[in-house]
Amino acid sequence: MASDREQKKITFTHPSPGDIGWVISMHGKTYAEDFKFEPQFEIDIARKMVLFFDNANDFDLFLIPFIKGHRAGSIAVSRESKTTAFVNFVLVISQFRKQGIATKMMHQ
């Protein structure tokens, strides 16, 4: 049987084909469930995602955390100014909450 540590091992990857659409979809689904957001929110996330990747530079980072081979959320960091970074697309889907994923994403 796998240890608790092995079960909760989080790995981070850069987006692969299918990940961007999944992040957009999960933002829409999660925010609708948690906060009753309308479908327009998902459209807004899609637009912001396109802008993020269209304007990406060497500083910008987009990561997908995985637990046991399953996508658990997302996080992106971009440069706001020379001295400020902007964190966006932060999401931990409900089944993976309370496992320290958000903290580990911020440390990445």
Protein backbone atom coordinates (compact mmCIF):
# COMPACT_ATOMS: atom_id res chain seq x y z
CA MET A 1 0.00 0.00 0.00
CA ALA A 2 1.28 3.48 -0.86
CA SER A 3 2.29 5.74 1.99
CA ASP A 4 0.44 9.00 2.74
CA ARG A 5 3.41 10.88 1.35
CA GLU A 6 3.32 8.95 -1.94
CA GLN A 7 -0.45 9.45 -2.26
CA LYS A 8 -0.08 13.21 -1.82
CA LYS A 9 3.04 13.63 -3.98
CA ILE A 10 2.53 16.65 -6.18
CA THR A 11 4.36 17.07 -9.46
CA PHE A 12 4.26 20.18 -11.62
CA THR A 13 4.31 20.33 -15.39
CA HIS A 14 4.12 23.00 -18.04
CA PRO A 15 0.94 22.77 -20.11
CA SER A 16 0.66 19.94 -22.60
CA PRO A 17 -1.97 19.62 -25.33
CA GLY A 18 -5.39 19.58 -23.67
CA ASP A 19 -4.25 21.25 -20.44
CA ILE A 20 -5.21 24.81 -21.41
CA GLY A 21 -8.76 23.82 -22.36
CA TRP A 22 -9.02 21.82 -19.14
CA VAL A 23 -7.91 24.82 -17.05
CA ILE A 24 -10.48 27.06 -18.73
CA SER A 25 -13.23 24.48 -18.27
CA MET A 26 -12.36 23.77 -14.63
CA HIS A 27 -12.28 27.49 -13.78
CA GLY A 28 -15.78 27.82 -15.22
CA LYS A 29 -17.09 24.70 -13.47
CA THR A 30 -15.42 25.36 -10.11
CA TYR A 31 -16.35 29.03 -9.87
CA ALA A 32 -19.95 28.24 -10.88
CA GLU A 33 -20.18 25.57 -8.15
CA ASP A 34 -18.40 27.55 -5.44
CA PHE A 35 -19.55 31.11 -6.17
CA LYS A 36 -22.49 30.77 -8.60
CA PHE A 37 -20.56 32.51 -11.40
CA GLU A 38 -22.24 32.64 -14.79
CA PRO A 39 -20.82 31.09 -18.01
CA GLN A 40 -19.42 34.51 -18.98
CA PHE A 41 -16.68 33.93 -16.38
CA GLU A 42 -15.37 30.95 -18.34
CA ILE A 43 -15.30 33.07 -21.50
CA ASP A 44 -13.37 35.76 -19.62
CA ILE A 45 -10.86 33.14 -18.40
CA ALA A 46 -10.42 31.92 -21.97
CA ARG A 47 -9.67 35.45 -23.15
CA LYS A 48 -7.21 36.05 -20.31
CA MET A 49 -5.52 32.73 -21.04
CA VAL A 50 -5.00 33.69 -24.70
CA LEU A 51 -3.56 37.05 -23.64
CA PHE A 52 -1.26 35.35 -21.13
CA PHE A 53 0.24 33.04 -23.74
CA ASP A 54 0.28 35.65 -26.52
CA ASN A 55 2.27 38.01 -24.29
CA ALA A 56 4.43 35.44 -22.49
CA ASN A 57 8.10 36.18 -21.91
CA ASP A 58 11.01 34.41 -20.22
CA PHE A 59 9.75 35.43 -16.77
CA ASP A 60 6.23 34.05 -17.14
CA LEU A 61 5.37 30.65 -15.75
CA PHE A 62 2.28 28.46 -16.08
CA LEU A 63 2.10 25.21 -14.12
CA ILE A 64 -0.35 22.36 -13.72
CA PRO A 65 -0.05 20.38 -10.46
CA PHE A 66 -0.66 16.64 -10.72
CA ILE A 67 -1.47 14.15 -7.98
CA LYS A 68 -1.30 10.48 -8.91
CA GLY A 69 -1.49 11.37 -12.60
CA HIS A 70 -4.54 13.62 -12.23
CA ARG A 71 -4.62 17.36 -12.87
CA ALA A 72 -5.28 19.08 -9.55
CA GLY A 73 -5.32 22.77 -10.50
CA SER A 74 -3.33 25.56 -12.07
CA ILE A 75 -1.23 28.62 -11.38
CA ALA A 76 0.42 31.27 -13.53
CA VAL A 77 2.88 34.01 -12.72
CA SER A 78 3.64 36.93 -14.99
CA ARG A 79 5.59 40.16 -14.72
CA GLU A 80 3.46 43.13 -13.74
CA SER A 81 6.39 45.56 -13.61
CA LYS A 82 10.14 45.41 -12.98
CA THR A 83 9.51 44.83 -9.27
CA THR A 84 6.09 43.15 -9.19
CA ALA A 85 4.81 39.77 -10.28
CA PHE A 86 1.15 38.91 -10.86
CA VAL A 87 -0.30 35.55 -9.84
CA ASN A 88 -3.26 34.39 -11.90
CA PHE A 89 -5.28 31.30 -12.84
CA VAL A 90 -4.92 29.94 -9.29
CA LEU A 91 -7.18 26.94 -8.94
CA VAL A 92 -7.27 23.78 -6.87
CA ILE A 93 -10.19 21.59 -7.84
CA SER A 94 -12.41 20.48 -4.98
CA GLN A 95 -11.33 16.83 -4.75
CA PHE A 96 -7.71 17.90 -4.15
CA ARG A 97 -8.26 20.68 -1.64
CA LYS A 98 -6.87 20.63 1.89
CA GLN A 99 -3.71 18.81 0.77
CA GLY A 100 -1.34 21.78 0.65
CA ILE A 101 -1.46 22.15 -3.13
CA ALA A 102 -2.03 25.92 -3.16
CA THR A 103 0.91 26.45 -0.81
CA LYS A 104 3.14 24.25 -2.94
CA MET A 105 2.02 26.08 -6.09
CA MET A 106 2.96 29.42 -4.54
CA HIS A 107 6.38 28.06 -3.58
CA GLN A 108 7.03 26.93 -7.16
